Amino acid sequence: MKTTFLTLIIMMLFACNTPYKDHQNLATDYQIIPKPVSLELSNGLFLVDHKTKVVGAENLKNEGDYLADMLSHISGSNITFKATSTGNIELKIDEAIENNEGYTLSVTYNKITISGKTAKGVFYGIQTLKQLIPATKVSQETALTIPAVTIKDEPRFIYRGMHLDVARHFFSIDFIKKYIDLLAMHKMNTFHWHLTEDQGWRIEIKKYPKLTQVGSKRHGTINGHFNKKEGNDETAYGGFYTQEDIKEVVKYATERHVTVIPEIELPGHASAAIAAYSFLSCFPEEPTIVSNNMGSKAGQKIQANGTPKIVQETWGVFDDVFCAGNEKTFQFLEDVLAEVIPLFPSEYIHIGGDECPKSNWKRCADCQKRIKDNNLTDEHHLQSYFIQRIEKYLNAKGKKIIGWDEILEGGLAPNATVMSWRGEKGGIVAAKEQHDVIMTPGHSCYFDHYQTENKEEEPLAIGGKTTVADVYAYEPIPKELSQEESKYVLGAQGNVWTEYMETSDHVEYMILPRMTALSEVIWSPKETKDFNDFKLRLKNMKEHYDAMDLNYAKHIFETK
């Protein structure tokens, strides 16, 4: 093995325990996303080698093992975590740090200290440290060093999320874990898992086995864009997660300080559940209407014969929703939620509430009786009744609800959090009513949009255009809110609807680097935002994309 003279000199300096003590670091050594609150450059480099020891209290073992594995992989040395105070990389809890997710990172030539108010803060300090080292394993001839620095950091918002729709297209447990790793790398703390839809029910409910036996499978999927009527592939499609799968994902996410919030859609987007149990429909004997005449031959046959409902094979909004006048509907949903609740330790359950047509309710005798018996004004108030009843059940079980901004219709449930997607109007109204809000407007936070005007050169998408610059320019606090009202904005989230994303590679292409831009919007101070500076730092993040073998969009790296 050949070793250069310079490398020998460096190794001698390290052996003397003064590795690059007087080395002058450059600003280019500190390309961190999201941008920290405070970063102070120092002289010197810390050497990572076989003598490196990661230490800390026993209650930081999860974070210590994570860091030790990361450094071992990059350095090639066998680095371990020990619950002791004697070592040159120390993790610790510091009660003096004010923010629960805040941290400090101190790197000198002979010591690294990562402190957090909580273990989560320590973990985020580790994510920052990760960006100060190479993204890939160094060669045996190369020393792994970390530039000296002092960083004090904390997030701007407490809710920093990414959504993933697994109902339109199903994704493996391995990819879900990879998705969670991306959230952790970007210091995002919430994974919104969209598990039920018209096109598939993806979570095992043991009391209702037909939800997965029937509801997780569709008999075909439309080809191309739903507006262009290109036919159906006539290919069976399905998949679901067992409760053991769910537990595995939640455990994995918890170790990375990511909260998993499940979404069980109601009262609309219920076709898959109704296909499994037709009594949930206002009109269980009526055939399902297949939108846009785009259904499979099987679907057309169902229409003609008036036989049971189907799992939808097209995209869009469907009139057949959960019957609000039938007590069996609420018993079913409470039974489902009774199995969902123990699987997810999150404070919240997302109950959907969006895009619920009222046409069936208007002609359903049971729904009209419900309106009359409860002195409701109309079907919008019936939806509010529906949502509030589910909220009351979940509140009694120690959970809070999140719903899309349509849950404002007819009156907002008392303790509900509104996820504002149809622009910011719903979020503004909710905040003014002193309800918590999560901003996710389509113009800035929908990652199923195209990323360029050259749509012919892009993978198929639902439409629109949202660039990395558009995402980065987003400000989650609307100007219409006062300082007091703005406190109800918990944060923001990127949404990934997968009608046109059949593969994990396609998902990666659609979220990156837009997700990276959003991470800085919701973590870093508003006054430090600088898109040109962000683009420079993004070059370092690109190396991590490459190391993780991610299929990211290249547009921003191809423009000056």
Protein backbone atom coordinates (compact mmCIF):
# COMPACT_ATOMS: atom_id res chain seq x y z
CA MET A 1 0.00 0.00 0.00
CA LYS A 2 1.35 3.35 -1.05
CA THR A 3 1.22 6.22 1.46
CA THR A 4 2.28 9.70 0.47
CA PHE A 5 4.81 11.70 2.48
CA LEU A 6 2.11 14.26 3.31
CA THR A 7 -0.15 11.56 4.72
CA LEU A 8 2.72 10.29 6.91
CA ILE A 9 3.24 13.78 8.30
CA ILE A 10 -0.47 14.10 9.06
CA MET A 11 -0.46 10.74 10.83
CA MET A 12 2.50 11.83 12.93
CA LEU A 13 0.66 14.98 13.97
CA PHE A 14 -2.35 12.93 14.97
CA ALA A 15 -0.19 10.58 17.00
CA CYS A 16 0.99 13.60 18.96
CA ASN A 17 -2.64 14.33 19.87
CA THR A 18 -2.54 17.72 18.11
CA PRO A 19 -4.39 16.94 14.87
CA TYR A 20 -4.65 20.14 12.90
CA LYS A 21 -4.92 22.18 16.09
CA ASP A 22 -3.97 25.33 14.25
CA HIS A 23 -5.66 24.46 10.97
CA GLN A 24 -7.61 27.42 9.53
CA ASN A 25 -11.02 26.15 8.42
CA LEU A 26 -12.94 27.62 5.52
CA ALA A 27 -16.61 28.55 5.38
CA THR A 28 -17.01 25.89 2.70
CA ASP A 29 -16.47 23.26 5.42
CA TYR A 30 -19.83 24.12 6.99
CA GLN A 31 -22.49 23.56 4.33
CA ILE A 32 -25.39 22.60 6.62
CA ILE A 33 -29.11 22.29 5.76
CA PRO A 34 -31.30 23.38 7.44
CA LYS A 35 -29.18 26.41 8.28
CA PRO A 36 -28.37 26.58 12.01
CA VAL A 37 -29.40 29.52 14.18
CA SER A 38 -25.80 30.24 15.16
CA LEU A 39 -22.53 28.92 13.72
CA GLU A 40 -19.10 30.06 14.94
CA LEU A 41 -16.04 28.87 13.01
CA SER A 42 -12.92 27.72 14.85
CA ASN A 43 -9.44 26.53 13.99
CA GLY A 44 -8.57 22.86 14.04
CA LEU A 45 -9.79 19.44 12.98
CA PHE A 46 -10.97 16.51 15.08
CA LEU A 47 -9.60 13.12 13.99
CA VAL A 48 -11.92 10.11 13.92
CA ASP A 49 -10.02 6.82 14.21
CA HIS A 50 -9.90 3.56 16.18
CA LYS A 51 -9.23 5.53 19.38
CA THR A 52 -12.48 7.48 19.07
CA LYS A 53 -15.00 6.74 21.81
CA VAL A 54 -18.61 7.85 21.87
CA VAL A 55 -19.88 8.19 25.44
CA GLY A 56 -22.90 9.47 27.33
CA ALA A 57 -25.59 8.54 29.80
CA GLU A 58 -27.48 5.26 29.42
CA ASN A 59 -30.63 7.13 28.40
CA LEU A 60 -28.79 8.32 25.27
CA LYS A 61 -27.82 4.83 24.13
CA ASN A 62 -30.14 5.00 21.11
CA GLU A 63 -28.46 8.21 19.91
CA GLY A 64 -24.99 6.97 20.87
CA ASP A 65 -25.35 3.74 18.92
CA TYR A 66 -26.70 5.69 15.94
CA LEU A 67 -23.68 8.03 15.97
CA ALA A 68 -21.17 5.22 16.52
CA ASP A 69 -22.60 3.23 13.60
CA MET A 70 -22.47 6.31 11.36
CA LEU A 71 -18.84 7.11 12.21
CA SER A 72 -17.81 3.45 11.92
CA HIS A 73 -19.30 3.26 8.44
CA ILE A 74 -17.56 6.40 7.16
CA SER A 75 -14.19 5.93 8.90
CA GLY A 76 -13.83 2.18 8.57
CA SER A 77 -12.94 1.99 12.27
CA ASN A 78 -14.90 0.03 14.85
CA ILE A 79 -16.41 2.79 16.99
CA THR A 80 -18.82 1.98 19.80
CA PHE A 81 -20.96 3.78 22.34
CA LYS A 82 -20.41 3.29 26.08
CA ALA A 83 -22.47 4.62 28.96
CA THR A 84 -19.62 6.44 30.63
CA SER A 85 -18.17 9.95 30.80
CA THR A 86 -14.69 9.06 29.59
CA GLY A 87 -14.40 9.57 25.84
CA ASN A 88 -13.62 12.14 23.19
CA ILE A 89 -17.15 12.37 21.72
CA GLU A 90 -19.66 13.05 24.47
CA LEU A 91 -23.44 13.16 24.28
CA LYS A 92 -25.31 14.79 27.12
CA ILE A 93 -28.57 16.34 28.29
CA ASP A 94 -28.38 20.04 29.11
CA GLU A 95 -31.42 21.41 30.93
CA ALA A 96 -30.19 24.95 30.33
CA ILE A 97 -31.13 24.66 26.65
CA GLU A 98 -34.57 26.24 26.34
CA ASN A 99 -36.07 24.57 23.27
CA ASN A 100 -37.07 20.90 23.66
CA GLU A 101 -35.56 20.13 20.25
CA GLY A 102 -32.61 22.50 20.60
CA TYR A 103 -28.96 21.43 20.71
CA THR A 104 -25.41 22.69 20.85
CA LEU A 105 -22.53 21.14 18.96
CA SER A 106 -18.95 21.87 19.91
CA VAL A 107 -16.07 20.47 17.85
CA THR A 108 -12.45 21.15 18.83
CA TYR A 109 -9.29 19.40 17.73
CA ASN A 110 -9.53 16.90 20.61
CA LYS A 111 -13.17 16.84 21.75
CA ILE A 112 -16.72 16.78 20.39
CA THR A 113 -19.67 17.55 22.64
CA ILE A 114 -23.30 17.30 21.54
CA SER A 115 -25.80 18.58 24.08
CA GLY A 116 -29.56 18.66 23.88
CA LYS A 117 -32.45 19.70 26.03
CA THR A 118 -33.77 16.21 25.26
CA ALA A 119 -32.56 13.12 23.45
CA LYS A 120 -34.28 14.50 20.34
CA GLY A 121 -32.05 17.58 20.48
CA VAL A 122 -28.97 15.38 20.79
CA PHE A 123 -30.16 13.42 17.74
CA TYR A 124 -30.50 16.61 15.70
CA GLY A 125 -26.99 17.61 16.74
CA ILE A 126 -25.83 14.28 15.32
CA GLN A 127 -27.62 15.05 12.04
CA THR A 128 -25.70 18.31 11.83
CA LEU A 129 -22.43 16.53 12.59
CA LYS A 130 -23.26 14.12 9.76
CA GLN A 131 -23.11 17.02 7.30
CA LEU A 132 -19.63 18.00 8.52
CA ILE A 133 -18.12 14.68 7.45
CA PRO A 134 -17.88 13.00 4.03
CA ALA A 135 -21.03 11.33 2.75
CA THR A 136 -19.16 8.17 1.76
CA LYS A 137 -16.54 5.96 3.39
CA VAL A 138 -13.04 7.42 3.33
CA SER A 139 -10.15 5.40 1.91
CA GLN A 140 -7.54 3.78 4.10
CA GLU A 141 -5.06 6.43 2.97
CA THR A 142 -7.37 9.29 4.03
CA ALA A 143 -7.90 10.50 7.57
CA LEU A 144 -11.48 11.26 8.59
CA THR A 145 -11.52 14.70 10.18
CA ILE A 146 -14.29 17.02 11.35
CA PRO A 147 -13.80 20.81 11.21
CA ALA A 148 -13.87 22.70 14.51
CA VAL A 149 -17.03 24.69 15.12
CA THR A 150 -19.54 25.81 17.73
CA ILE A 151 -23.21 25.57 16.74
CA LYS A 152 -26.25 26.58 18.73
CA ASP A 153 -29.49 25.61 17.07
CA GLU A 154 -33.21 25.10 17.51
CA PRO A 155 -36.24 24.79 15.21
CA ARG A 156 -38.57 27.66 14.33
CA PHE A 157 -41.69 25.44 14.24
CA ILE A 158 -42.68 22.46 16.36
CA TYR A 159 -44.43 20.60 13.50
CA ARG A 160 -42.16 19.72 10.58
CA GLY A 161 -43.70 17.03 8.47
CA MET A 162 -43.83 14.96 5.32
CA HIS A 163 -46.87 13.06 4.08
CA LEU A 164 -46.95 9.92 1.94
CA ASP A 165 -49.98 8.43 0.21
CA VAL A 166 -49.60 4.64 0.13
CA ALA A 167 -53.21 4.01 -0.91
CA ARG A 168 -53.07 5.05 -4.58
CA HIS A 169 -49.76 3.19 -4.86
CA PHE A 170 -48.34 0.87 -2.25
CA PHE A 171 -44.73 1.04 -1.00
CA SER A 172 -42.66 -1.54 0.83
CA ILE A 173 -41.65 -1.40 4.48
CA ASP A 174 -38.04 -0.95 3.36
CA PHE A 175 -38.94 2.17 1.42
CA ILE A 176 -41.06 3.53 4.27
CA LYS A 177 -37.97 3.21 6.49
CA LYS A 178 -35.85 4.97 3.88
CA TYR A 179 -38.45 7.75 3.75
CA ILE A 180 -38.24 8.10 7.54
CA ASP A 181 -34.44 8.26 7.30
CA LEU A 182 -34.84 11.20 4.92
CA LEU A 183 -37.10 12.96 7.40
CA ALA A 184 -34.58 12.43 10.19
CA MET A 185 -31.70 13.68 8.02
CA HIS A 186 -33.68 16.89 7.40
CA LYS A 187 -34.62 17.31 11.09
CA MET A 188 -38.27 16.74 10.29
CA ASN A 189 -40.24 15.22 13.13
CA THR A 190 -43.55 13.97 11.69
CA PHE A 191 -44.47 11.29 9.14
CA HIS A 192 -48.11 11.59 8.02
CA TRP A 193 -49.01 8.12 6.72
CA HIS A 194 -52.06 8.22 4.41
CA LEU A 195 -53.33 4.65 4.78
CA THR A 196 -56.87 4.53 3.38
CA GLU A 197 -58.48 5.78 0.19
CA ASP A 198 -60.95 5.02 -2.59
CA GLN A 199 -58.24 3.06 -4.39
CA GLY A 200 -57.01 0.91 -1.51
CA TRP A 201 -57.23 0.15 2.22
CA ARG A 202 -53.68 -0.48 3.44
CA ILE A 203 -53.86 -1.27 7.18
CA GLU A 204 -54.87 -4.59 8.71
CA ILE A 205 -57.95 -4.39 10.96
CA LYS A 206 -58.48 -7.78 12.57
CA LYS A 207 -62.16 -7.29 13.38
CA TYR A 208 -62.87 -6.49 9.73
CA PRO A 209 -60.70 -8.84 7.61
CA LYS A 210 -62.44 -7.93 4.36
CA LEU A 211 -60.87 -4.47 4.54
CA THR A 212 -57.64 -6.09 3.40
CA GLN A 213 -59.05 -9.20 1.71
CA VAL A 214 -61.20 -7.04 -0.56
CA GLY A 215 -60.46 -3.38 0.13
CA SER A 216 -56.70 -3.57 -0.45
CA LYS A 217 -57.11 -4.81 -4.05
CA ARG A 218 -58.28 -3.14 -7.21
CA HIS A 219 -58.81 -4.97 -10.49
CA GLY A 220 -57.06 -2.43 -12.66
CA THR A 221 -55.63 1.08 -12.83
CA ILE A 222 -56.17 3.75 -15.47
CA ASN A 223 -53.37 4.38 -17.94
CA GLY A 224 -51.90 7.85 -18.25
CA HIS A 225 -53.51 11.00 -16.92
CA PHE A 226 -57.13 10.67 -15.81
CA ASN A 227 -58.17 13.61 -17.98
CA LYS A 228 -57.02 11.93 -21.19
CA LYS A 229 -59.02 8.67 -21.11
CA GLU A 230 -56.26 6.28 -22.17
CA GLY A 231 -57.92 3.12 -20.89
CA ASN A 232 -57.22 0.69 -18.06
CA ASP A 233 -54.28 -1.66 -17.60
CA GLU A 234 -56.62 -4.48 -16.47
CA THR A 235 -53.96 -5.58 -13.97
CA ALA A 236 -54.75 -6.52 -10.40
CA TYR A 237 -53.04 -4.24 -7.88
CA GLY A 238 -52.88 -4.46 -4.11
CA GLY A 239 -50.94 -4.54 -0.87
CA PHE A 240 -51.36 -3.76 2.81
CA TYR A 241 -49.43 -3.51 6.05
CA THR A 242 -50.04 -6.00 8.83
CA GLN A 243 -50.24 -4.70 12.36
CA GLU A 244 -46.79 -6.19 12.93
CA ASP A 245 -45.51 -4.17 9.95
CA ILE A 246 -46.99 -1.05 11.48
CA LYS A 247 -45.30 -1.74 14.82
CA GLU A 248 -41.97 -2.24 13.04
CA VAL A 249 -42.26 1.09 11.22
CA VAL A 250 -43.33 2.98 14.35
CA LYS A 251 -40.40 1.53 16.33
CA TYR A 252 -37.97 2.47 13.55
CA ALA A 253 -39.39 6.00 13.40
CA THR A 254 -39.33 6.42 17.18
CA GLU A 255 -35.63 5.58 17.26
CA ARG A 256 -35.14 8.46 14.81
CA HIS A 257 -37.42 10.82 16.75
CA VAL A 258 -40.06 10.83 14.02
CA THR A 259 -43.71 10.69 15.10
CA VAL A 260 -45.97 8.65 12.82
CA ILE A 261 -49.49 10.04 12.39
CA PRO A 262 -51.88 7.65 10.63
CA GLU A 263 -54.69 8.90 8.43
CA ILE A 264 -57.97 7.00 8.30
CA GLU A 265 -60.12 8.86 5.75
CA LEU A 266 -63.70 9.76 6.64
CA PRO A 267 -66.43 10.47 5.77
CA GLY A 268 -65.33 10.68 2.11
CA HIS A 269 -62.74 8.75 0.09
CA ALA A 270 -64.33 5.58 1.47
CA SER A 271 -64.82 3.43 -1.65
CA ALA A 272 -62.35 0.71 -0.60
CA ALA A 273 -64.03 0.29 2.80
CA ILE A 274 -67.49 0.29 1.17
CA ALA A 275 -66.33 -2.32 -1.37
CA ALA A 276 -65.45 -4.54 1.59
CA TYR A 277 -68.57 -3.76 3.66
CA SER A 278 -71.38 -2.31 1.56
CA PHE A 279 -73.57 -1.55 4.61
CA LEU A 280 -71.31 1.49 5.15
CA SER A 281 -72.87 3.13 2.09
CA CYS A 282 -76.12 5.09 2.10
CA PHE A 283 -77.24 2.85 -0.76
CA PRO A 284 -75.60 -0.57 -0.39
CA GLU A 285 -77.63 -2.13 -3.21
CA GLU A 286 -76.81 0.50 -5.81
CA PRO A 287 -73.86 -0.16 -8.13
CA THR A 288 -70.74 1.93 -7.87
CA ILE A 289 -70.47 4.59 -10.56
CA VAL A 290 -67.06 4.50 -12.21
CA SER A 291 -65.86 8.05 -12.93
CA ASN A 292 -65.02 9.29 -16.43
CA ASN A 293 -65.98 5.93 -17.97
CA MET A 294 -62.42 4.90 -17.22
CA GLY A 295 -63.10 1.76 -15.20
CA SER A 296 -61.98 -1.73 -16.11
CA LYS A 297 -64.18 -4.22 -17.90
CA ALA A 298 -64.87 -5.72 -14.49
CA GLY A 299 -65.98 -2.33 -13.22
CA GLN A 300 -68.28 -1.81 -16.21
CA LYS A 301 -69.82 -5.23 -15.58
CA ILE A 302 -70.47 -4.29 -11.96
CA GLN A 303 -72.31 -1.21 -13.16
CA ALA A 304 -74.45 -3.19 -15.58
CA ASN A 305 -75.41 -5.92 -13.12
CA GLY A 306 -75.86 -3.75 -10.05
CA THR A 307 -73.59 -6.08 -8.04
CA PRO A 308 -71.36 -5.03 -5.11
CA LYS A 309 -69.19 -1.92 -4.87
CA ILE A 310 -65.62 -1.82 -6.17
CA VAL A 311 -62.27 -0.48 -5.07
CA GLN A 312 -61.85 2.47 -7.41
CA GLU A 313 -59.58 2.13 -10.44
CA THR A 314 -59.60 5.81 -11.40
CA TRP A 315 -58.53 8.94 -9.57
CA GLY A 316 -60.82 11.69 -8.41
CA VAL A 317 -63.70 12.22 -5.98
CA PHE A 318 -66.58 9.75 -5.63
CA ASP A 319 -70.13 10.26 -4.41
CA ASP A 320 -70.31 7.03 -2.39
CA VAL A 321 -69.18 8.05 1.13
CA PHE A 322 -69.76 6.70 4.63
CA CYS A 323 -73.45 6.93 5.56
CA ALA A 324 -73.86 9.52 8.31
CA GLY A 325 -77.36 8.33 9.22
CA ASN A 326 -76.46 4.72 9.99
CA GLU A 327 -75.32 3.85 13.51
CA LYS A 328 -73.44 0.86 12.08
CA THR A 329 -71.10 3.33 10.33
CA PHE A 330 -70.01 4.86 13.61
CA GLN A 331 -69.65 1.47 15.27
CA PHE A 332 -67.45 0.35 12.38
CA LEU A 333 -65.25 3.44 12.58
CA GLU A 334 -64.91 3.21 16.36
CA ASP A 335 -63.94 -0.45 16.00
CA VAL A 336 -61.34 0.46 13.37
CA LEU A 337 -59.92 3.29 15.45
CA ALA A 338 -59.84 1.04 18.51
CA GLU A 339 -57.28 -1.10 16.66
CA VAL A 340 -55.42 1.87 15.15
CA ILE A 341 -54.92 3.74 18.44
CA PRO A 342 -52.67 1.17 20.18
CA LEU A 343 -50.42 0.94 17.10
CA PHE A 344 -49.56 4.63 17.04
CA PRO A 345 -48.32 6.42 20.18
CA SER A 346 -48.75 9.79 18.46
CA GLU A 347 -50.85 12.48 20.07
CA TYR A 348 -52.83 12.83 16.85
CA ILE A 349 -54.94 10.73 14.49
CA HIS A 350 -55.63 12.28 11.08
CA ILE A 351 -59.24 11.70 10.07
CA GLY A 352 -59.21 13.27 6.60
CA GLY A 353 -62.51 15.12 6.22
CA ASP A 354 -61.76 16.42 2.72
CA GLU A 355 -63.64 16.13 -0.56
CA CYS A 356 -66.85 14.62 0.82
CA PRO A 357 -69.68 14.97 -1.72
CA LYS A 358 -73.09 15.46 -0.12
CA SER A 359 -75.31 14.13 -2.95
CA ASN A 360 -75.96 10.73 -1.37
CA TRP A 361 -76.66 12.30 2.02
CA LYS A 362 -79.24 14.60 0.39
CA ARG A 363 -81.25 11.63 -0.94
CA CYS A 364 -80.61 9.24 1.97
CA ALA A 365 -83.62 8.95 4.33
CA ASP A 366 -81.38 7.96 7.26
CA CYS A 367 -79.09 10.95 6.76
CA GLN A 368 -82.03 13.32 6.44
CA LYS A 369 -83.49 11.87 9.63
CA ARG A 370 -80.14 12.46 11.37
CA ILE A 371 -80.24 16.10 10.26
CA LYS A 372 -83.78 16.54 11.54
CA ASP A 373 -83.26 14.69 14.84
CA ASN A 374 -80.16 16.75 15.70
CA ASN A 375 -81.56 20.11 14.53
CA LEU A 376 -78.85 20.44 11.90
CA THR A 377 -79.19 23.03 9.17
CA ASP A 378 -77.95 21.05 6.17
CA GLU A 379 -75.51 18.42 4.93
CA HIS A 380 -72.50 20.60 5.75
CA HIS A 381 -73.60 20.61 9.36
CA LEU A 382 -74.10 16.85 9.07
CA GLN A 383 -70.44 16.56 8.13
CA SER A 384 -69.55 18.65 11.18
CA TYR A 385 -71.71 16.32 13.29
CA PHE A 386 -69.83 13.35 11.82
CA ILE A 387 -66.39 14.83 12.51
CA GLN A 388 -67.29 16.00 16.01
CA ARG A 389 -68.65 12.59 16.93
CA ILE A 390 -65.44 10.90 15.84
CA GLU A 391 -63.41 13.56 17.65
CA LYS A 392 -65.34 12.95 20.86
CA TYR A 393 -64.55 9.25 20.63
CA LEU A 394 -60.84 9.88 19.99
CA ASN A 395 -60.56 12.54 22.70
CA ALA A 396 -61.97 10.01 25.17
CA LYS A 397 -59.15 7.68 24.14
CA GLY A 398 -56.52 10.37 24.73
CA LYS A 399 -56.09 11.37 21.09
CA LYS A 400 -56.57 14.61 19.17
CA ILE A 401 -57.68 14.89 15.57
CA ILE A 402 -56.16 16.57 12.55
CA GLY A 403 -58.34 17.13 9.49
CA TRP A 404 -58.04 18.77 6.10
CA ASP A 405 -59.50 22.27 5.98
CA GLU A 406 -62.94 21.04 4.85
CA ILE A 407 -63.59 20.12 8.48
CA LEU A 408 -64.30 23.83 8.93
CA GLU A 409 -67.55 23.35 6.97
CA GLY A 410 -70.56 23.42 9.25
CA GLY A 411 -68.49 24.29 12.30
CA LEU A 412 -65.11 23.13 13.56
CA ALA A 413 -64.80 20.29 16.06
CA PRO A 414 -63.81 21.70 19.49
CA ASN A 415 -60.23 20.41 19.75
CA ALA A 416 -59.39 19.84 16.09
CA THR A 417 -56.20 20.87 14.34
CA VAL A 418 -56.70 22.08 10.76
CA MET A 419 -54.36 21.08 7.94
CA SER A 420 -54.76 23.86 5.38
CA TRP A 421 -54.30 22.56 1.83
CA ARG A 422 -56.66 24.62 -0.37
CA GLY A 423 -54.37 27.59 -0.10
CA GLU A 424 -54.02 29.32 3.27
CA LYS A 425 -57.60 30.51 3.80
CA GLY A 426 -58.64 27.54 5.94
CA GLY A 427 -55.57 27.92 8.12
CA ILE A 428 -56.16 31.63 8.57
CA VAL A 429 -59.80 31.08 9.59
CA ALA A 430 -58.84 28.30 12.02
CA ALA A 431 -56.03 30.31 13.62
CA LYS A 432 -58.35 33.28 14.11
CA GLU A 433 -60.72 30.86 15.88
CA GLN A 434 -57.77 29.85 18.10
CA HIS A 435 -57.34 26.39 16.62
CA ASP A 436 -53.96 24.89 15.86
CA VAL A 437 -53.00 24.90 12.19
CA ILE A 438 -50.56 23.03 9.97
CA MET A 439 -49.88 24.76 6.68
CA THR A 440 -49.63 22.65 3.54
CA PRO A 441 -50.96 24.78 0.65
CA GLY A 442 -50.85 23.25 -2.79
CA HIS A 443 -48.91 26.11 -4.38
CA SER A 444 -45.83 25.48 -2.21
CA CYS A 445 -46.16 22.15 -0.40
CA TYR A 446 -47.60 19.69 -2.93
CA PHE A 447 -44.78 17.58 -4.26
CA ASP A 448 -46.95 15.76 -6.82
CA HIS A 449 -46.70 18.84 -9.06
CA TYR A 450 -44.29 19.19 -11.96
CA GLN A 451 -40.96 20.83 -11.16
CA THR A 452 -40.41 22.62 -14.47
CA GLU A 453 -42.28 24.07 -17.44
CA ASN A 454 -40.85 21.30 -19.65
CA LYS A 455 -43.53 18.80 -18.66
CA GLU A 456 -42.96 16.60 -21.71
CA GLU A 457 -39.49 15.80 -20.38
CA GLU A 458 -40.75 15.00 -16.88
CA PRO A 459 -42.36 11.91 -15.35
CA LEU A 460 -46.15 12.04 -15.39
CA ALA A 461 -47.58 14.26 -12.63
CA ILE A 462 -51.00 15.49 -11.61
CA GLY A 463 -50.29 18.98 -13.00
CA GLY A 464 -49.23 22.41 -11.83
CA LYS A 465 -45.65 23.52 -11.24
CA THR A 466 -43.82 23.88 -7.93
CA THR A 467 -40.07 24.45 -8.14
CA VAL A 468 -37.45 24.23 -5.41
CA ALA A 469 -37.42 28.04 -5.43
CA ASP A 470 -41.20 28.11 -4.94
CA VAL A 471 -40.90 25.84 -1.91
CA TYR A 472 -38.01 27.82 -0.44
CA ALA A 473 -39.90 31.10 -0.87
CA TYR A 474 -42.85 29.87 1.19
CA GLU A 475 -43.61 31.62 4.50
CA PRO A 476 -45.86 29.49 6.78
CA ILE A 477 -47.15 32.48 8.80
CA PRO A 478 -49.75 34.30 6.65
CA LYS A 479 -49.56 38.07 6.77
CA GLU A 480 -53.27 38.17 7.63
CA LEU A 481 -52.54 36.80 11.12
CA SER A 482 -51.62 38.94 14.10
CA GLN A 483 -48.66 38.05 16.25
CA GLU A 484 -50.96 36.36 18.77
CA GLU A 485 -52.89 34.46 16.07
CA SER A 486 -49.67 33.31 14.40
CA LYS A 487 -48.85 31.25 17.50
CA TYR A 488 -51.50 28.77 16.38
CA VAL A 489 -49.49 27.89 13.26
CA LEU A 490 -47.62 24.79 14.40
CA GLY A 491 -45.61 24.43 11.23
CA ALA A 492 -45.86 23.06 7.71
CA GLN A 493 -45.78 19.81 5.78
CA GLY A 494 -44.94 18.54 2.29
CA ASN A 495 -47.62 16.33 0.73
CA VAL A 496 -46.93 13.43 -1.62
CA TRP A 497 -50.02 12.11 -3.41
CA THR A 498 -49.09 9.07 -5.47
CA GLU A 499 -51.71 8.68 -8.20
CA TYR A 500 -48.87 8.97 -10.72
CA MET A 501 -46.00 7.63 -8.63
CA GLU A 502 -45.87 3.89 -9.13
CA THR A 503 -42.33 3.36 -7.86
CA SER A 504 -40.15 4.50 -4.97
CA ASP A 505 -37.70 5.99 -7.48
CA HIS A 506 -40.47 8.25 -8.74
CA VAL A 507 -41.32 9.34 -5.19
CA GLU A 508 -37.68 10.21 -4.54
CA TYR A 509 -37.56 12.24 -7.74
CA MET A 510 -40.63 14.22 -6.74
CA ILE A 511 -39.59 15.00 -3.15
CA LEU A 512 -35.91 15.85 -3.61
CA PRO A 513 -34.60 18.48 -3.37
CA ARG A 514 -37.97 20.17 -2.69
CA MET A 515 -38.15 18.46 0.70
CA THR A 516 -34.70 19.83 1.50
CA ALA A 517 -35.91 23.35 0.74
CA LEU A 518 -38.97 22.89 2.95
CA SER A 519 -36.81 21.63 5.81
CA GLU A 520 -35.03 24.98 5.95
CA VAL A 521 -38.31 26.92 5.69
CA ILE A 522 -39.67 25.24 8.82
CA TRP A 523 -36.46 24.94 10.85
CA SER A 524 -34.31 28.02 10.28
CA PRO A 525 -35.01 31.63 11.33
CA LYS A 526 -37.02 33.52 8.73
CA GLU A 527 -34.52 36.37 8.60
CA THR A 528 -31.61 34.09 7.61
CA LYS A 529 -33.26 32.73 4.46
CA ASP A 530 -31.17 33.28 1.33
CA PHE A 531 -31.91 31.16 -1.74
CA ASN A 532 -28.52 31.70 -3.39
CA ASP A 533 -26.78 30.66 -0.19
CA PHE A 534 -29.11 27.66 0.05
CA LYS A 535 -28.15 26.56 -3.46
CA LEU A 536 -24.47 26.63 -2.50
CA ARG A 537 -25.11 24.50 0.57
CA LEU A 538 -27.32 22.17 -1.45
CA LYS A 539 -24.23 20.96 -3.32
CA ASN A 540 -23.06 19.31 -0.11
CA MET A 541 -26.48 17.75 0.46
CA LYS A 542 -26.31 16.38 -3.09
CA GLU A 543 -23.34 14.26 -2.01
CA HIS A 544 -25.54 12.69 0.65
CA TYR A 545 -28.26 12.06 -1.95
CA ASP A 546 -25.68 10.26 -4.06
CA ALA A 547 -24.35 8.26 -1.12
CA MET A 548 -27.90 7.10 -0.35
CA ASP A 549 -28.45 6.21 -4.03
CA LEU A 550 -31.44 8.55 -4.26
CA ASN A 551 -33.15 9.35 -7.54
CA TYR A 552 -33.39 13.12 -6.99
CA ALA A 553 -34.39 15.78 -9.54
CA LYS A 554 -31.39 17.52 -11.10
CA HIS A 555 -32.93 20.79 -12.34
CA ILE A 556 -31.48 23.08 -9.69
CA PHE A 557 -27.98 21.63 -10.14
CA GLU A 558 -28.08 22.21 -13.90
CA THR A 559 -28.83 25.95 -13.70
CA LYS A 560 -26.44 28.74 -12.73
